[in-house]
Amino acid sequence: MNTNYTLIDKAFVLKKTPMFGCLELDLLLPIADKMHPTHVRAGEVIFEHGEQAYSMYFITEGKVTIANKQGALLASLQTGEVFGDEAVFSGSTREYEAKGEVNTELLTLSRADLLAIIYEYPRVATGFLEAYTKITPFRSR
């Protein structure tokens, strides 16, 4: 499993996501610079329901299961998917549990770093708003 990501590798991970895909490379690089690799073992809890949200996660290799408070499976996420973003943006607690389904490599981006980037590069916030309006399920395009 790869844990030696270059800045460009991280930027390409971001570029492949709906939330960051509309941003140009000059805006992706400062965000990518703040991302940190994390290894999660199979069965390891990444975060639990009710925890305060401090980071969002990008799956670079492996699978993550998402379960509700009762333990019912909500989703099985895989390479290229993002999770934990909704609580990071809202500042609320986690509404589900995330656990490594297999040995998994993640890139994490903290709420503090994300807010600092938005403050320094306001165009990033505009990009998020554009992406949000495209991926919100009840909106038609």
C-alpha atoms as a PDB file:
ATOM      1  CA  MET A   1       0.000   0.000   0.000  1.00  0.00           C
ATOM      2  CA  ASN A   2       1.250   3.448  -0.943  1.00  0.00           C
ATOM      3  CA  THR A   3       1.833   5.942   1.858  1.00  0.00           C
ATOM      4  CA  ASN A   4       4.407   8.100   0.054  1.00  0.00           C
ATOM      5  CA  TYR A   5       2.162  10.502  -1.804  1.00  0.00           C
ATOM      6  CA  THR A   6       3.644  13.425  -3.685  1.00  0.00           C
ATOM      7  CA  LEU A   7       1.867  16.753  -3.723  1.00  0.00           C
ATOM      8  CA  ILE A   8       0.743  16.047  -7.297  1.00  0.00           C
ATOM      9  CA  ASP A   9      -0.580  12.587  -6.278  1.00  0.00           C
ATOM     10  CA  LYS A  10      -2.685  14.221  -3.578  1.00  0.00           C
ATOM     11  CA  ALA A  11      -3.923  16.910  -5.982  1.00  0.00           C
ATOM     12  CA  PHE A  12      -5.062  14.219  -8.434  1.00  0.00           C
ATOM     13  CA  VAL A  13      -6.932  12.430  -5.632  1.00  0.00           C
ATOM     14  CA  LEU A  14      -8.773  15.705  -4.973  1.00  0.00           C
ATOM     15  CA  LYS A  15      -9.397  16.352  -8.683  1.00  0.00           C
ATOM     16  CA  LYS A  16     -11.230  13.019  -9.007  1.00  0.00           C
ATOM     17  CA  THR A  17     -13.829  13.935  -6.370  1.00  0.00           C
ATOM     18  CA  PRO A  18     -17.083  15.802  -7.105  1.00  0.00           C
ATOM     19  CA  MET A  19     -16.381  18.310  -4.341  1.00  0.00           C
ATOM     20  CA  PHE A  20     -12.928  19.337  -5.559  1.00  0.00           C
ATOM     21  CA  GLY A  21     -13.074  18.308  -9.211  1.00  0.00           C
ATOM     22  CA  CYS A  22     -14.145  21.724 -10.456  1.00  0.00           C
ATOM     23  CA  LEU A  23     -11.112  23.448  -8.906  1.00  0.00           C
ATOM     24  CA  GLU A  24      -8.009  24.265 -10.925  1.00  0.00           C
ATOM     25  CA  LEU A  25      -4.609  22.847 -10.042  1.00  0.00           C
ATOM     26  CA  ASP A  26      -3.422  26.156  -8.542  1.00  0.00           C
ATOM     27  CA  LEU A  27      -6.180  25.835  -5.918  1.00  0.00           C
ATOM     28  CA  LEU A  28      -5.815  22.083  -5.438  1.00  0.00           C
ATOM     29  CA  LEU A  29      -2.119  22.235  -4.566  1.00  0.00           C
ATOM     30  CA  PRO A  30      -2.511  24.235  -1.302  1.00  0.00           C
ATOM     31  CA  ILE A  31      -5.291  21.857  -0.242  1.00  0.00           C
ATOM     32  CA  ALA A  32      -3.246  18.787  -1.181  1.00  0.00           C
ATOM     33  CA  ASP A  33      -0.343  20.140   0.845  1.00  0.00           C
ATOM     34  CA  LYS A  34      -2.492  19.902   4.001  1.00  0.00           C
ATOM     35  CA  MET A  35      -3.555  16.272   3.436  1.00  0.00           C
ATOM     36  CA  HIS A  36      -1.993  13.525   5.549  1.00  0.00           C
ATOM     37  CA  PRO A  37      -1.830   9.772   4.852  1.00  0.00           C
ATOM     38  CA  THR A  38      -3.419   7.387   7.342  1.00  0.00           C
ATOM     39  CA  HIS A  39      -3.390   3.590   7.365  1.00  0.00           C
ATOM     40  CA  VAL A  40      -6.447   1.779   8.725  1.00  0.00           C
ATOM     41  CA  ARG A  41      -6.441  -1.949   9.471  1.00  0.00           C
ATOM     42  CA  ALA A  42      -9.361  -4.195   8.542  1.00  0.00           C
ATOM     43  CA  GLY A  43     -11.996  -3.818  11.270  1.00  0.00           C
ATOM     44  CA  GLU A  44     -10.435  -0.665  12.733  1.00  0.00           C
ATOM     45  CA  VAL A  45     -12.901   2.095  13.617  1.00  0.00           C
ATOM     46  CA  ILE A  46     -12.037   5.395  11.932  1.00  0.00           C
ATOM     47  CA  PHE A  47     -14.670   7.325  13.862  1.00  0.00           C
ATOM     48  CA  GLU A  48     -17.805   6.496  15.824  1.00  0.00           C
ATOM     49  CA  HIS A  49     -21.327   7.833  15.768  1.00  0.00           C
ATOM     50  CA  GLY A  50     -21.575  10.964  17.923  1.00  0.00           C
ATOM     51  CA  GLU A  51     -17.880  11.909  17.774  1.00  0.00           C
ATOM     52  CA  GLN A  52     -16.928  15.486  17.027  1.00  0.00           C
ATOM     53  CA  ALA A  53     -15.798  15.880  13.408  1.00  0.00           C
ATOM     54  CA  TYR A  54     -12.245  17.056  12.930  1.00  0.00           C
ATOM     55  CA  SER A  55     -11.347  15.608   9.515  1.00  0.00           C
ATOM     56  CA  MET A  56     -12.703  14.418   6.210  1.00  0.00           C
ATOM     57  CA  TYR A  57     -11.321  11.324   4.510  1.00  0.00           C
ATOM     58  CA  PHE A  58     -10.366  10.335   0.971  1.00  0.00           C
ATOM     59  CA  ILE A  59     -10.016   6.612   0.245  1.00  0.00           C
ATOM     60  CA  THR A  60      -6.900   6.055  -1.866  1.00  0.00           C
ATOM     61  CA  GLU A  61      -6.845   2.272  -1.519  1.00  0.00           C
ATOM     62  CA  GLY A  62      -9.187  -0.190   0.175  1.00  0.00           C
ATOM     63  CA  LYS A  63     -12.760  -0.130   1.467  1.00  0.00           C
ATOM     64  CA  VAL A  64     -14.632   1.534   4.322  1.00  0.00           C
ATOM     65  CA  THR A  65     -18.002   0.519   5.747  1.00  0.00           C
ATOM     66  CA  ILE A  66     -20.467   3.117   6.948  1.00  0.00           C
ATOM     67  CA  ALA A  67     -22.995   2.031   9.590  1.00  0.00           C
ATOM     68  CA  ASN A  68     -25.721   3.821  11.509  1.00  0.00           C
ATOM     69  CA  LYS A  69     -25.995   4.052  15.295  1.00  0.00           C
ATOM     70  CA  GLN A  70     -27.679   0.645  15.451  1.00  0.00           C
ATOM     71  CA  GLY A  71     -24.882  -0.934  13.395  1.00  0.00           C
ATOM     72  CA  ALA A  72     -26.898  -1.379  10.197  1.00  0.00           C
ATOM     73  CA  LEU A  73     -24.788  -1.081   7.058  1.00  0.00           C
ATOM     74  CA  LEU A  74     -25.502   2.156   5.185  1.00  0.00           C
ATOM     75  CA  ALA A  75     -22.754   1.979   2.564  1.00  0.00           C
ATOM     76  CA  SER A  76     -19.557   0.287   1.522  1.00  0.00           C
ATOM     77  CA  LEU A  77     -17.177   2.883   0.103  1.00  0.00           C
ATOM     78  CA  GLN A  78     -14.100   2.178  -1.976  1.00  0.00           C
ATOM     79  CA  THR A  79     -11.091   3.756  -3.628  1.00  0.00           C
ATOM     80  CA  GLY A  80     -11.856   7.259  -4.896  1.00  0.00           C
ATOM     81  CA  GLU A  81     -14.710   7.993  -2.525  1.00  0.00           C
ATOM     82  CA  VAL A  82     -14.863  10.643   0.204  1.00  0.00           C
ATOM     83  CA  PHE A  83     -16.580  10.513   3.584  1.00  0.00           C
ATOM     84  CA  GLY A  84     -16.855  12.585   6.731  1.00  0.00           C
ATOM     85  CA  ASP A  85     -17.210  15.826   4.815  1.00  0.00           C
ATOM     86  CA  GLU A  86     -20.752  16.704   5.878  1.00  0.00           C
ATOM     87  CA  ALA A  87     -19.909  16.923   9.576  1.00  0.00           C
ATOM     88  CA  VAL A  88     -16.672  18.793   8.859  1.00  0.00           C
ATOM     89  CA  PHE A  89     -18.576  21.506   6.992  1.00  0.00           C
ATOM     90  CA  SER A  90     -21.448  21.722   9.454  1.00  0.00           C
ATOM     91  CA  GLY A  91     -19.348  21.454  12.618  1.00  0.00           C
ATOM     92  CA  SER A  92     -21.753  18.820  13.930  1.00  0.00           C
ATOM     93  CA  THR A  93     -21.003  15.406  15.383  1.00  0.00           C
ATOM     94  CA  ARG A  94     -20.720  12.258  13.279  1.00  0.00           C
ATOM     95  CA  GLU A  95     -24.045  10.720  12.338  1.00  0.00           C
ATOM     96  CA  TYR A  96     -22.557   7.325  11.458  1.00  0.00           C
ATOM     97  CA  GLU A  97     -19.609   5.043  12.176  1.00  0.00           C
ATOM     98  CA  ALA A  98     -16.822   4.487   9.645  1.00  0.00           C
ATOM     99  CA  LYS A  99     -14.663   1.378   9.796  1.00  0.00           C
ATOM    100  CA  GLY A 100     -11.978  -0.140   7.590  1.00  0.00           C
ATOM    101  CA  GLU A 101     -13.519  -3.102   5.761  1.00  0.00           C
ATOM    102  CA  VAL A 102     -10.059  -4.227   4.608  1.00  0.00           C
ATOM    103  CA  ASN A 103      -6.606  -2.721   5.135  1.00  0.00           C
ATOM    104  CA  THR A 104      -7.168   0.786   3.781  1.00  0.00           C
ATOM    105  CA  GLU A 105      -5.131   3.853   2.920  1.00  0.00           C
ATOM    106  CA  LEU A 106      -6.717   7.250   3.483  1.00  0.00           C
ATOM    107  CA  LEU A 107      -5.751  10.848   2.987  1.00  0.00           C
ATOM    108  CA  THR A 108      -7.173  13.090   5.695  1.00  0.00           C
ATOM    109  CA  LEU A 109      -7.912  16.795   5.612  1.00  0.00           C
ATOM    110  CA  SER A 110      -8.661  18.544   8.885  1.00  0.00           C
ATOM    111  CA  ARG A 111     -11.482  21.015   9.383  1.00  0.00           C
ATOM    112  CA  ALA A 112      -9.016  23.641  10.632  1.00  0.00           C
ATOM    113  CA  ASP A 113      -6.835  23.305   7.526  1.00  0.00           C
ATOM    114  CA  LEU A 114      -9.846  23.368   5.218  1.00  0.00           C
ATOM    115  CA  LEU A 115     -11.214  26.537   6.826  1.00  0.00           C
ATOM    116  CA  ALA A 116      -7.769  28.177   6.656  1.00  0.00           C
ATOM    117  CA  ILE A 117      -7.577  27.345   2.940  1.00  0.00           C
ATOM    118  CA  ILE A 118     -11.042  28.797   2.326  1.00  0.00           C
ATOM    119  CA  TYR A 119     -10.029  31.966   4.172  1.00  0.00           C
ATOM    120  CA  GLU A 120      -6.835  32.289   2.138  1.00  0.00           C
ATOM    121  CA  TYR A 121      -8.378  31.205  -1.194  1.00  0.00           C
ATOM    122  CA  PRO A 122     -12.049  32.307  -1.315  1.00  0.00           C
ATOM    123  CA  ARG A 123     -12.399  30.761  -4.787  1.00  0.00           C
ATOM    124  CA  VAL A 124     -12.235  27.354  -3.078  1.00  0.00           C
ATOM    125  CA  ALA A 125     -15.514  28.136  -1.284  1.00  0.00           C
ATOM    126  CA  THR A 126     -17.127  29.074  -4.594  1.00  0.00           C
ATOM    127  CA  GLY A 127     -15.971  25.735  -6.012  1.00  0.00           C
ATOM    128  CA  PHE A 128     -17.545  23.886  -3.088  1.00  0.00           C
ATOM    129  CA  LEU A 129     -20.829  25.689  -3.601  1.00  0.00           C
ATOM    130  CA  GLU A 130     -20.812  24.832  -7.300  1.00  0.00           C
ATOM    131  CA  ALA A 131     -20.088  21.186  -6.529  1.00  0.00           C
ATOM    132  CA  TYR A 132     -22.752  21.074  -3.809  1.00  0.00           C
ATOM    133  CA  THR A 133     -25.471  22.269  -6.145  1.00  0.00           C
ATOM    134  CA  LYS A 134     -24.500  19.575  -8.646  1.00  0.00           C
ATOM    135  CA  ILE A 135     -24.383  16.634  -6.230  1.00  0.00           C
ATOM    136  CA  THR A 136     -27.346  17.426  -3.979  1.00  0.00           C
ATOM    137  CA  PRO A 137     -29.780  14.643  -4.951  1.00  0.00           C
ATOM    138  CA  PHE A 138     -33.036  16.610  -4.821  1.00  0.00           C
ATOM    139  CA  ARG A 139     -31.849  19.295  -7.222  1.00  0.00           C
ATOM    140  CA  SER A 140     -32.540  18.731 -10.892  1.00  0.00           C
ATOM    141  CA  ARG A 141     -30.168  19.880 -13.624  1.00  0.00           C
END
